[in-house]
Protein backbone atom coordinates (compact mmCIF):
# COMPACT_ATOMS: atom_id res chain seq x y z
CA MET A 1 -76.27 67.26 106.30
CA VAL A 2 -73.19 68.82 104.86
CA VAL A 3 -71.42 65.95 102.90
CA HIS A 4 -67.61 66.56 102.52
CA ARG A 5 -65.71 64.83 99.91
CA VAL A 6 -62.35 63.67 99.57
CA THR A 7 -60.76 63.85 96.17
CA ALA A 8 -57.14 63.71 94.87
CA GLU A 9 -56.89 66.97 95.24
CA LYS A 10 -55.73 67.60 98.84
CA ILE A 11 -52.02 69.35 98.76
CA ASP A 12 -49.79 68.39 101.92
CA MET A 13 -48.90 72.52 102.35
CA LYS A 14 -44.95 71.49 102.64
CA THR A 15 -44.23 69.42 100.26
CA LYS A 16 -46.80 70.56 97.89
CA ARG A 17 -47.88 67.46 97.57
CA LYS A 18 -51.10 66.21 96.80
CA ILE A 19 -52.55 63.23 99.17
CA ALA A 20 -54.23 60.12 98.64
CA LYS A 21 -57.25 58.45 101.30
CA SER A 22 -57.81 56.08 99.50
CA ALA A 23 -56.13 53.69 96.84
CA SER A 24 -57.84 54.59 94.28
CA GLU A 25 -57.03 58.27 94.51
CA ALA A 26 -53.51 57.14 95.06
CA LEU A 27 -54.11 55.11 91.61
CA LYS A 28 -54.93 58.62 89.69
CA VAL A 29 -51.99 60.77 91.86
CA LEU A 30 -49.11 58.48 90.38
CA TRP A 31 -51.09 58.09 87.04
CA GLN A 32 -51.19 62.38 87.10
CA GLU A 33 -46.96 62.26 88.17
CA ALA A 34 -46.28 59.96 84.88
CA TYR A 35 -45.40 56.88 87.23
CA PHE A 36 -47.71 54.25 84.72
CA ARG A 37 -45.18 55.37 81.45
CA THR A 38 -43.71 52.29 82.17
CA TRP A 39 -44.47 48.55 82.76
CA ARG A 40 -45.37 48.94 86.80
CA ASN A 41 -45.72 45.66 88.50
CA GLN A 42 -47.60 45.41 92.31
CA VAL A 43 -44.55 45.20 94.33
CA ALA A 44 -43.13 48.11 92.71
CA VAL A 45 -46.12 50.51 93.37
CA VAL A 46 -46.24 49.56 96.53
CA GLY A 47 -42.87 50.51 97.43
CA HIS A 48 -44.21 53.62 95.26
CA LEU A 49 -46.58 54.49 98.13
CA ALA A 50 -44.92 52.97 100.49
CA LYS A 51 -42.24 56.59 100.27
CA ARG A 52 -45.28 58.67 99.96
CA GLY A 53 -46.74 57.34 103.23
CA ASN A 54 -49.72 55.42 101.98
CA ASN A 55 -49.73 51.56 103.12
CA PHE A 56 -52.81 50.34 101.59
CA SER A 57 -53.41 46.62 102.13
CA GLY A 58 -52.90 44.07 99.94
CA PRO A 59 -56.41 43.41 98.21
CA GLU A 60 -56.89 47.26 98.34
CA LEU A 61 -54.64 48.36 96.45
CA GLY A 62 -55.35 44.89 94.17
CA MET A 63 -58.59 45.97 93.54
CA ALA A 64 -57.86 49.53 93.00
CA LEU A 65 -55.54 48.24 89.98
CA LYS A 66 -57.93 45.98 88.64
CA ARG A 67 -60.70 48.10 88.10
CA ALA A 68 -58.78 51.84 87.78
CA GLU A 69 -60.12 52.96 83.95
CA HIS A 70 -56.97 54.42 82.79
CA LEU A 71 -54.58 51.20 83.16
CA THR A 72 -53.95 48.21 81.84
CA ARG A 73 -52.12 45.17 82.84
CA ARG A 74 -50.85 41.81 81.21
CA GLY A 75 -49.17 38.84 82.44
CA LYS A 76 -50.72 35.81 84.83
CA ARG A 77 -52.35 36.23 88.54
CA GLY A 78 -49.05 37.38 90.66
CA GLY A 79 -47.19 38.09 88.23
CA TYR A 80 -50.03 41.42 86.65
CA GLU A 81 -47.38 44.33 85.75
CA TYR A 82 -49.47 47.82 84.72
CA ILE A 83 -49.39 50.43 82.39
CA GLN A 84 -51.34 53.43 81.58
CA LYS A 85 -53.82 53.31 78.79
CA TYR A 86 -52.63 57.16 78.05
CA PRO A 87 -50.87 60.20 79.17
CA TRP A 88 -53.11 62.12 81.83
CA VAL A 89 -54.54 65.11 80.92
CA ALA A 90 -55.42 68.93 83.00
CA GLU A 91 -59.15 69.16 82.56
CA GLU A 92 -60.54 72.58 80.93
CA LYS A 93 -62.89 74.26 82.69
CA VAL A 94 -65.33 75.76 80.26
CA PRO A 95 -66.89 78.87 81.37
CA LEU A 96 -70.75 78.82 81.58
CA ALA A 97 -72.71 81.34 79.01
CA LYS A 98 -73.97 83.35 80.69
CA LYS A 99 -77.44 84.17 80.57
CA MET A 100 -78.45 87.33 78.40
CA ALA A 101 -81.62 89.25 79.32
């Protein structure tokens, strides 16, 4: 049985944008685009994702925002704002050392 894992690395060839299939993936894509450089509330995030064609349910997006390890939040219930803890940095691929025979 072959299992295909869907990641945020899927790219729309027409627009060259990354495609997210879950709220968590969508938040990572926005983080990579530096969207969370300033404080954003959930309404602003919903609006921005809707422009990208992503329409997640309120509870799904709220839970993803709460669990996102790269974001921190402030405020009270119903009025949270989110910002990145640190900027996104592309992971460097380290080549594996070849075995010496």
